[in-house]
Amino acid sequence: MNATYIQNSIAQLKTEIFMDVRHRTLQKYTGVPVLDENQLFYLLIPFLNGEEWQQEQQEAAITVGIVYAALAAHDHIKELDATSKEQQLTVLAGDFYSGRYYEILAMSGNVALIRNLSQGIVVRCEQQIKVYENEQRTIEQWYASMSTIESGLIAQFFDLYSFGKYIPLVEKSLLILRLEKEWTAYQRGQMSLMGKALEESVRRNGATFNSVIQRKIVHLKTELSQIINQATFLQSDIKQALHAHVEASIASTNG
């Protein structure tokens, strides 16, 4: 398996997701749904590694992708001004995508997937709500919230189809990517609400955001590399692909 095959698999999944949520008016004003290719890559890791992957798993993966698209559409709305036509349509896009994945789940009759994804959405939203609460939280608690937001739905999907051994890989990988995104946003003065909450916790500990985040990223990458190397269930080409993702992430940070 080479990088081209992996990229084609991601592209195929994106196409199938787009086909299920296409809407001419929404696409005209808001563009195609926002899909994170890193999330799709890790969502497909069991398939790429040769696990049993029938039509049911593919349809479930498509549904997970639609859920992420819906949540991303809602997250995109500016917090204080949702009055423009584009923003109002973005809200509608999120609602439309939400309706589509509920419709797909209902038609599939996959009660277990409905239960797992519903639970994942609830937990994700609970973590996002934390930024609006007055309770002081530790740096590690914010890391845990970010991890849940980024990888919780994939973990629910993996748990349902007995792919649980892949969860630590996904959790660490997507947390690394989220922290690097927050670090870049910090440099530009464009942090998310959760990034700002994390920064506040860092300041309370008398440290600097740069030093704490960079140290955590390095620590996570070391742990991730060890997990990949020790994972006997991973094929060698998948190990290489996972390492390549880590290295690409390092390069983007150093750049």
C-alpha atoms as a PDB file:
ATOM      1  CA  MET A   1       0.000   0.000   0.000  1.00  0.00           C
ATOM      2  CA  ASN A   2       1.349   3.410  -0.947  1.00  0.00           C
ATOM      3  CA  ALA A   3       0.472   7.021  -0.226  1.00  0.00           C
ATOM      4  CA  THR A   4      -1.571   7.243  -3.419  1.00  0.00           C
ATOM      5  CA  TYR A   5      -3.841   4.371  -2.355  1.00  0.00           C
ATOM      6  CA  ILE A   6      -4.358   5.960   1.054  1.00  0.00           C
ATOM      7  CA  GLN A   7      -5.154   9.344  -0.485  1.00  0.00           C
ATOM      8  CA  ASN A   8      -7.540   7.748  -2.966  1.00  0.00           C
ATOM      9  CA  SER A   9      -9.335   5.950  -0.131  1.00  0.00           C
ATOM     10  CA  ILE A  10      -9.760   9.238   1.732  1.00  0.00           C
ATOM     11  CA  ALA A  11     -10.965  10.944  -1.455  1.00  0.00           C
ATOM     12  CA  GLN A  12     -13.486   8.171  -2.044  1.00  0.00           C
ATOM     13  CA  LEU A  13     -14.880   8.526   1.465  1.00  0.00           C
ATOM     14  CA  LYS A  14     -15.127  12.301   1.022  1.00  0.00           C
ATOM     15  CA  THR A  15     -16.988  11.838  -2.254  1.00  0.00           C
ATOM     16  CA  GLU A  16     -19.483   9.459  -0.682  1.00  0.00           C
ATOM     17  CA  ILE A  17     -20.059  11.889   2.198  1.00  0.00           C
ATOM     18  CA  PHE A  18     -20.564  14.798  -0.224  1.00  0.00           C
ATOM     19  CA  MET A  19     -23.039  12.739  -2.265  1.00  0.00           C
ATOM     20  CA  ASP A  20     -25.139  12.071   0.831  1.00  0.00           C
ATOM     21  CA  VAL A  21     -25.368  15.720   1.907  1.00  0.00           C
ATOM     22  CA  ARG A  22     -25.293  17.605  -1.396  1.00  0.00           C
ATOM     23  CA  HIS A  23     -27.635  20.563  -1.607  1.00  0.00           C
ATOM     24  CA  ARG A  24     -27.301  23.112  -4.409  1.00  0.00           C
ATOM     25  CA  THR A  25     -28.290  26.237  -2.467  1.00  0.00           C
ATOM     26  CA  LEU A  26     -26.191  25.441   0.584  1.00  0.00           C
ATOM     27  CA  GLN A  27     -23.203  24.579  -1.570  1.00  0.00           C
ATOM     28  CA  LYS A  28     -23.585  27.867  -3.478  1.00  0.00           C
ATOM     29  CA  TYR A  29     -23.378  30.001  -0.341  1.00  0.00           C
ATOM     30  CA  THR A  30     -21.395  27.881   2.131  1.00  0.00           C
ATOM     31  CA  GLY A  31     -19.342  25.600  -0.112  1.00  0.00           C
ATOM     32  CA  VAL A  32     -18.970  21.863   0.306  1.00  0.00           C
ATOM     33  CA  PRO A  33     -19.079  20.438   3.843  1.00  0.00           C
ATOM     34  CA  VAL A  34     -15.934  20.958   5.899  1.00  0.00           C
ATOM     35  CA  LEU A  35     -14.163  17.622   6.288  1.00  0.00           C
ATOM     36  CA  ASP A  36     -10.853  17.166   8.053  1.00  0.00           C
ATOM     37  CA  GLU A  37      -8.760  14.746   5.988  1.00  0.00           C
ATOM     38  CA  ASN A  38      -6.721  13.842   9.060  1.00  0.00           C
ATOM     39  CA  GLN A  39      -9.882  12.671  10.818  1.00  0.00           C
ATOM     40  CA  LEU A  40     -10.916  10.717   7.730  1.00  0.00           C
ATOM     41  CA  PHE A  41      -7.470   9.109   7.534  1.00  0.00           C
ATOM     42  CA  TYR A  42      -7.658   7.870  11.124  1.00  0.00           C
ATOM     43  CA  LEU A  43     -11.287   6.827  10.643  1.00  0.00           C
ATOM     44  CA  LEU A  44     -10.109   4.558   7.808  1.00  0.00           C
ATOM     45  CA  ILE A  45      -7.056   3.100   9.576  1.00  0.00           C
ATOM     46  CA  PRO A  46      -8.701  -0.300  10.328  1.00  0.00           C
ATOM     47  CA  PHE A  47      -9.769  -0.601   6.672  1.00  0.00           C
ATOM     48  CA  LEU A  48      -6.325   0.391   5.422  1.00  0.00           C
ATOM     49  CA  ASN A  49      -4.796  -2.130   7.825  1.00  0.00           C
ATOM     50  CA  GLY A  50      -6.838  -4.975   6.338  1.00  0.00           C
ATOM     51  CA  GLU A  51      -9.532  -5.394   8.987  1.00  0.00           C
ATOM     52  CA  GLU A  52     -12.889  -6.831   7.945  1.00  0.00           C
ATOM     53  CA  TRP A  53     -14.702  -3.908   6.377  1.00  0.00           C
ATOM     54  CA  GLN A  54     -18.059  -4.631   4.816  1.00  0.00           C
ATOM     55  CA  GLN A  55     -20.669  -2.265   3.398  1.00  0.00           C
ATOM     56  CA  GLU A  56     -22.045  -1.755   6.901  1.00  0.00           C
ATOM     57  CA  GLN A  57     -18.710  -0.411   8.145  1.00  0.00           C
ATOM     58  CA  GLN A  58     -18.362   1.833   5.081  1.00  0.00           C
ATOM     59  CA  GLU A  59     -21.852   3.264   5.539  1.00  0.00           C
ATOM     60  CA  ALA A  60     -21.164   3.795   9.230  1.00  0.00           C
ATOM     61  CA  ALA A  61     -17.912   5.601   8.401  1.00  0.00           C
ATOM     62  CA  ILE A  62     -19.808   7.849   5.974  1.00  0.00           C
ATOM     63  CA  THR A  63     -22.286   8.653   8.729  1.00  0.00           C
ATOM     64  CA  VAL A  64     -19.488   9.528  11.145  1.00  0.00           C
ATOM     65  CA  GLY A  65     -18.069  11.853   8.488  1.00  0.00           C
ATOM     66  CA  ILE A  66     -21.449  13.553   8.099  1.00  0.00           C
ATOM     67  CA  VAL A  67     -21.660  14.040  11.867  1.00  0.00           C
ATOM     68  CA  TYR A  68     -18.247  15.723  11.851  1.00  0.00           C
ATOM     69  CA  ALA A  69     -19.368  17.920   8.938  1.00  0.00           C
ATOM     70  CA  ALA A  70     -22.490  18.986  10.823  1.00  0.00           C
ATOM     71  CA  LEU A  71     -20.543  19.799  13.968  1.00  0.00           C
ATOM     72  CA  ALA A  72     -17.899  21.681  11.971  1.00  0.00           C
ATOM     73  CA  ALA A  73     -20.607  23.791  10.316  1.00  0.00           C
ATOM     74  CA  HIS A  74     -21.996  24.820  13.695  1.00  0.00           C
ATOM     75  CA  ASP A  75     -18.505  25.450  15.091  1.00  0.00           C
ATOM     76  CA  HIS A  76     -17.787  27.759  12.158  1.00  0.00           C
ATOM     77  CA  ILE A  77     -20.398  30.306  13.217  1.00  0.00           C
ATOM     78  CA  LYS A  78     -18.983  33.413  14.852  1.00  0.00           C
ATOM     79  CA  GLU A  79     -19.944  33.565  18.481  1.00  0.00           C
ATOM     80  CA  LEU A  80     -21.339  37.099  18.588  1.00  0.00           C
ATOM     81  CA  ASP A  81     -22.662  37.678  15.067  1.00  0.00           C
ATOM     82  CA  ALA A  82     -24.755  35.128  13.259  1.00  0.00           C
ATOM     83  CA  THR A  83     -26.798  37.657  11.337  1.00  0.00           C
ATOM     84  CA  SER A  84     -25.243  37.581   7.872  1.00  0.00           C
ATOM     85  CA  LYS A  85     -26.845  35.513   5.126  1.00  0.00           C
ATOM     86  CA  GLU A  86     -23.782  33.293   4.884  1.00  0.00           C
ATOM     87  CA  GLN A  87     -23.757  32.616   8.615  1.00  0.00           C
ATOM     88  CA  GLN A  88     -27.478  31.908   8.720  1.00  0.00           C
ATOM     89  CA  LEU A  89     -27.066  29.461   5.847  1.00  0.00           C
ATOM     90  CA  THR A  90     -24.115  27.877   7.623  1.00  0.00           C
ATOM     91  CA  VAL A  91     -26.378  27.231  10.610  1.00  0.00           C
ATOM     92  CA  LEU A  92     -28.926  25.709   8.246  1.00  0.00           C
ATOM     93  CA  ALA A  93     -26.181  23.614   6.637  1.00  0.00           C
ATOM     94  CA  GLY A  94     -25.265  22.176  10.026  1.00  0.00           C
ATOM     95  CA  ASP A  95     -28.902  21.401  10.729  1.00  0.00           C
ATOM     96  CA  PHE A  96     -29.312  19.879   7.264  1.00  0.00           C
ATOM     97  CA  TYR A  97     -26.303  17.607   7.726  1.00  0.00           C
ATOM     98  CA  SER A  98     -27.601  16.629  11.158  1.00  0.00           C
ATOM     99  CA  GLY A  99     -30.943  15.716   9.638  1.00  0.00           C
ATOM    100  CA  ARG A 100     -29.227  13.654   6.959  1.00  0.00           C
ATOM    101  CA  TYR A 101     -27.245  11.517   9.373  1.00  0.00           C
ATOM    102  CA  TYR A 102     -30.332  10.919  11.511  1.00  0.00           C
ATOM    103  CA  GLU A 103     -32.223   9.938   8.366  1.00  0.00           C
ATOM    104  CA  ILE A 104     -29.442   7.614   7.221  1.00  0.00           C
ATOM    105  CA  LEU A 105     -29.217   6.010  10.655  1.00  0.00           C
ATOM    106  CA  ALA A 106     -32.970   5.534  10.836  1.00  0.00           C
ATOM    107  CA  MET A 107     -33.087   3.944   7.385  1.00  0.00           C
ATOM    108  CA  SER A 108     -30.200   1.622   8.213  1.00  0.00           C
ATOM    109  CA  GLY A 109     -31.857   0.303  11.349  1.00  0.00           C
ATOM    110  CA  ASN A 110     -28.411   0.175  12.959  1.00  0.00           C
ATOM    111  CA  VAL A 111     -29.543   0.752  16.535  1.00  0.00           C
ATOM    112  CA  ALA A 112     -26.099   0.144  17.992  1.00  0.00           C
ATOM    113  CA  LEU A 113     -24.547   2.825  15.781  1.00  0.00           C
ATOM    114  CA  ILE A 114     -27.349   5.242  16.638  1.00  0.00           C
ATOM    115  CA  ARG A 115     -26.684   4.655  20.339  1.00  0.00           C
ATOM    116  CA  ASN A 116     -22.913   5.034  20.062  1.00  0.00           C
ATOM    117  CA  LEU A 117     -22.952   8.154  17.908  1.00  0.00           C
ATOM    118  CA  SER A 118     -25.658   9.787  20.020  1.00  0.00           C
ATOM    119  CA  GLN A 119     -23.586   9.147  23.116  1.00  0.00           C
ATOM    120  CA  GLY A 120     -20.493  10.501  21.362  1.00  0.00           C
ATOM    121  CA  ILE A 121     -22.282  13.692  20.324  1.00  0.00           C
ATOM    122  CA  VAL A 122     -23.591  14.266  23.848  1.00  0.00           C
ATOM    123  CA  VAL A 123     -20.147  13.810  25.413  1.00  0.00           C
ATOM    124  CA  ARG A 124     -18.530  16.046  22.775  1.00  0.00           C
ATOM    125  CA  CYS A 125     -21.036  18.827  23.402  1.00  0.00           C
ATOM    126  CA  GLU A 126     -20.567  18.496  27.159  1.00  0.00           C
ATOM    127  CA  GLN A 127     -16.845  19.096  26.715  1.00  0.00           C
ATOM    128  CA  GLN A 128     -17.451  22.138  24.522  1.00  0.00           C
ATOM    129  CA  ILE A 129     -19.801  23.597  27.123  1.00  0.00           C
ATOM    130  CA  LYS A 130     -16.960  23.549  29.656  1.00  0.00           C
ATOM    131  CA  VAL A 131     -15.548  26.782  28.198  1.00  0.00           C
ATOM    132  CA  TYR A 132     -18.695  28.648  29.258  1.00  0.00           C
ATOM    133  CA  GLU A 133     -18.631  27.420  32.864  1.00  0.00           C
ATOM    134  CA  ASN A 134     -16.957  29.282  35.705  1.00  0.00           C
ATOM    135  CA  GLU A 135     -15.231  26.203  37.106  1.00  0.00           C
ATOM    136  CA  GLN A 136     -11.446  26.370  36.974  1.00  0.00           C
ATOM    137  CA  ARG A 137      -9.968  23.356  35.216  1.00  0.00           C
ATOM    138  CA  THR A 138      -6.466  21.977  35.020  1.00  0.00           C
ATOM    139  CA  ILE A 139      -4.313  21.893  31.898  1.00  0.00           C
ATOM    140  CA  GLU A 140      -4.731  18.117  31.682  1.00  0.00           C
ATOM    141  CA  GLN A 141      -8.516  18.447  31.876  1.00  0.00           C
ATOM    142  CA  TRP A 142      -8.463  20.775  28.861  1.00  0.00           C
ATOM    143  CA  TYR A 143      -6.258  18.290  27.005  1.00  0.00           C
ATOM    144  CA  ALA A 144      -8.813  15.579  27.766  1.00  0.00           C
ATOM    145  CA  SER A 145     -11.651  17.779  26.486  1.00  0.00           C
ATOM    146  CA  MET A 146      -9.801  18.504  23.257  1.00  0.00           C
ATOM    147  CA  SER A 147      -9.074  14.825  22.766  1.00  0.00           C
ATOM    148  CA  THR A 148     -12.748  13.940  23.208  1.00  0.00           C
ATOM    149  CA  ILE A 149     -13.854  16.627  20.769  1.00  0.00           C
ATOM    150  CA  GLU A 150     -11.381  15.532  18.098  1.00  0.00           C
ATOM    151  CA  SER A 151     -11.545  11.742  18.356  1.00  0.00           C
ATOM    152  CA  GLY A 152     -14.552  10.782  20.504  1.00  0.00           C
ATOM    153  CA  LEU A 153     -16.871   9.948  17.615  1.00  0.00           C
ATOM    154  CA  ILE A 154     -14.224   7.854  15.876  1.00  0.00           C
ATOM    155  CA  ALA A 155     -13.616   6.039  19.162  1.00  0.00           C
ATOM    156  CA  GLN A 156     -17.349   5.245  19.386  1.00  0.00           C
ATOM    157  CA  PHE A 157     -17.251   3.878  15.838  1.00  0.00           C
ATOM    158  CA  PHE A 158     -14.174   1.773  16.605  1.00  0.00           C
ATOM    159  CA  ASP A 159     -15.701   0.485  19.831  1.00  0.00           C
ATOM    160  CA  LEU A 160     -18.846  -0.660  18.021  1.00  0.00           C
ATOM    161  CA  TYR A 161     -16.966  -2.636  15.366  1.00  0.00           C
ATOM    162  CA  SER A 162     -14.320  -4.140  17.680  1.00  0.00           C
ATOM    163  CA  PHE A 163     -11.530  -1.842  16.478  1.00  0.00           C
ATOM    164  CA  GLY A 164     -10.768  -0.703  20.023  1.00  0.00           C
ATOM    165  CA  LYS A 165      -7.042  -1.412  19.726  1.00  0.00           C
ATOM    166  CA  TYR A 166      -6.777   1.531  17.310  1.00  0.00           C
ATOM    167  CA  ILE A 167      -8.276   4.069  19.717  1.00  0.00           C
ATOM    168  CA  PRO A 168      -5.021   5.099  21.509  1.00  0.00           C
ATOM    169  CA  LEU A 169      -3.410   5.793  18.115  1.00  0.00           C
ATOM    170  CA  VAL A 170      -6.263   8.031  17.053  1.00  0.00           C
ATOM    171  CA  GLU A 171      -6.616   9.833  20.371  1.00  0.00           C
ATOM    172  CA  LYS A 172      -2.948  10.800  20.555  1.00  0.00           C
ATOM    173  CA  SER A 173      -2.652  11.636  16.863  1.00  0.00           C
ATOM    174  CA  LEU A 174      -5.685  13.914  16.727  1.00  0.00           C
ATOM    175  CA  LEU A 175      -4.790  15.582  20.027  1.00  0.00           C
ATOM    176  CA  ILE A 176      -1.343  16.370  18.602  1.00  0.00           C
ATOM    177  CA  LEU A 177      -2.941  17.914  15.532  1.00  0.00           C
ATOM    178  CA  ARG A 178      -5.412  19.926  17.647  1.00  0.00           C
ATOM    179  CA  LEU A 179      -2.638  21.275  19.885  1.00  0.00           C
ATOM    180  CA  GLU A 180      -0.534  22.228  16.877  1.00  0.00           C
ATOM    181  CA  LYS A 181      -3.558  24.010  15.416  1.00  0.00           C
ATOM    182  CA  GLU A 182      -4.075  25.887  18.693  1.00  0.00           C
ATOM    183  CA  TRP A 183      -0.365  26.744  18.858  1.00  0.00           C
ATOM    184  CA  THR A 184      -0.477  28.176  15.316  1.00  0.00           C
ATOM    185  CA  ALA A 185      -3.648  30.108  16.143  1.00  0.00           C
ATOM    186  CA  TYR A 186      -1.954  31.462  19.273  1.00  0.00           C
ATOM    187  CA  GLN A 187       0.866  32.858  17.137  1.00  0.00           C
ATOM    188  CA  ARG A 188      -1.719  34.631  14.993  1.00  0.00           C
ATOM    189  CA  GLY A 189      -3.931  35.795  17.860  1.00  0.00           C
ATOM    190  CA  GLN A 190      -6.847  33.682  16.622  1.00  0.00           C
ATOM    191  CA  MET A 191      -7.285  31.052  19.327  1.00  0.00           C
ATOM    192  CA  SER A 192     -10.486  29.099  19.819  1.00  0.00           C
ATOM    193  CA  LEU A 193     -12.470  29.512  23.021  1.00  0.00           C
ATOM    194  CA  MET A 194     -11.054  26.262  24.345  1.00  0.00           C
ATOM    195  CA  GLY A 195      -7.538  27.333  23.382  1.00  0.00           C
ATOM    196  CA  LYS A 196      -8.041  30.533  25.360  1.00  0.00           C
ATOM    197  CA  ALA A 197      -9.317  28.550  28.341  1.00  0.00           C
ATOM    198  CA  LEU A 198      -6.247  26.321  28.142  1.00  0.00           C
ATOM    199  CA  GLU A 199      -3.999  29.382  27.983  1.00  0.00           C
ATOM    200  CA  GLU A 200      -5.664  30.773  31.111  1.00  0.00           C
ATOM    201  CA  SER A 201      -4.962  27.521  32.976  1.00  0.00           C
ATOM    202  CA  VAL A 202      -1.343  27.672  31.807  1.00  0.00           C
ATOM    203  CA  ARG A 203      -0.995  31.235  33.115  1.00  0.00           C
ATOM    204  CA  ARG A 204      -2.447  30.258  36.490  1.00  0.00           C
ATOM    205  CA  ASN A 205       0.349  27.704  36.721  1.00  0.00           C
ATOM    206  CA  GLY A 206       2.941  30.436  36.138  1.00  0.00           C
ATOM    207  CA  ALA A 207       4.050  28.998  32.792  1.00  0.00           C
ATOM    208  CA  THR A 208       3.993  30.191  29.189  1.00  0.00           C
ATOM    209  CA  PHE A 209       1.637  28.813  26.580  1.00  0.00           C
ATOM    210  CA  ASN A 210       4.435  28.180  24.076  1.00  0.00           C
ATOM    211  CA  SER A 211       6.562  26.132  26.450  1.00  0.00           C
ATOM    212  CA  VAL A 212       3.691  24.062  27.837  1.00  0.00           C
ATOM    213  CA  ILE A 213       2.127  23.262  24.464  1.00  0.00           C
ATOM    214  CA  GLN A 214       5.423  22.445  22.764  1.00  0.00           C
ATOM    215  CA  ARG A 215       6.434  20.181  25.638  1.00  0.00           C
ATOM    216  CA  LYS A 216       3.096  18.359  25.500  1.00  0.00           C
ATOM    217  CA  ILE A 217       3.312  17.915  21.724  1.00  0.00           C
ATOM    218  CA  VAL A 218       6.820  16.452  21.953  1.00  0.00           C
ATOM    219  CA  HIS A 219       5.699  14.121  24.759  1.00  0.00           C
ATOM    220  CA  LEU A 220       2.664  12.937  22.802  1.00  0.00           C
ATOM    221  CA  LYS A 221       4.714  12.313  19.658  1.00  0.00           C
ATOM    222  CA  THR A 222       7.202  10.229  21.616  1.00  0.00           C
ATOM    223  CA  GLU A 223       4.367   8.176  23.121  1.00  0.00           C
ATOM    224  CA  LEU A 224       2.699   7.801  19.733  1.00  0.00           C
ATOM    225  CA  SER A 225       5.877   6.592  18.057  1.00  0.00           C
ATOM    226  CA  GLN A 226       6.320   3.976  20.790  1.00  0.00           C
ATOM    227  CA  ILE A 227       2.726   2.783  20.391  1.00  0.00           C
ATOM    228  CA  ILE A 228       3.130   2.484  16.623  1.00  0.00           C
ATOM    229  CA  ASN A 229       6.414   0.578  16.922  1.00  0.00           C
ATOM    230  CA  GLN A 230       5.008  -1.845  19.499  1.00  0.00           C
ATOM    231  CA  ALA A 231       1.656  -2.448  17.741  1.00  0.00           C
ATOM    232  CA  THR A 232       2.001  -5.994  16.418  1.00  0.00           C
ATOM    233  CA  PHE A 233      -1.442  -5.785  14.785  1.00  0.00           C
ATOM    234  CA  LEU A 234      -0.305  -3.031  12.405  1.00  0.00           C
ATOM    235  CA  GLN A 235       1.027  -3.905   8.970  1.00  0.00           C
ATOM    236  CA  SER A 236       4.435  -2.450   8.178  1.00  0.00           C
ATOM    237  CA  ASP A 237       3.120  -0.110   5.486  1.00  0.00           C
ATOM    238  CA  ILE A 238       0.498   1.274   7.880  1.00  0.00           C
ATOM    239  CA  LYS A 239       3.201   1.836  10.492  1.00  0.00           C
ATOM    240  CA  GLN A 240       5.138   3.787   7.892  1.00  0.00           C
ATOM    241  CA  ALA A 241       2.049   5.826   7.006  1.00  0.00           C
ATOM    242  CA  LEU A 242       1.386   6.620  10.661  1.00  0.00           C
ATOM    243  CA  HIS A 243       5.006   7.607  11.231  1.00  0.00           C
ATOM    244  CA  ALA A 244       4.817   9.779   8.114  1.00  0.00           C
ATOM    245  CA  HIS A 245       1.844  11.610   9.593  1.00  0.00           C
ATOM    246  CA  VAL A 246       3.841  12.256  12.764  1.00  0.00           C
ATOM    247  CA  GLU A 247       6.836  13.476  10.786  1.00  0.00           C
ATOM    248  CA  ALA A 248       4.684  15.722   8.601  1.00  0.00           C
ATOM    249  CA  SER A 249       3.210  17.162  11.747  1.00  0.00           C
ATOM    250  CA  ILE A 250       6.688  17.818  13.156  1.00  0.00           C
ATOM    251  CA  ALA A 251       7.721  19.537   9.929  1.00  0.00           C
ATOM    252  CA  SER A 252       4.657  21.779   9.957  1.00  0.00           C
ATOM    253  CA  THR A 253       5.358  22.765  13.567  1.00  0.00           C
ATOM    254  CA  ASN A 254       9.033  23.510  12.957  1.00  0.00           C
ATOM    255  CA  GLY A 255       8.117  25.436   9.841  1.00  0.00           C
END
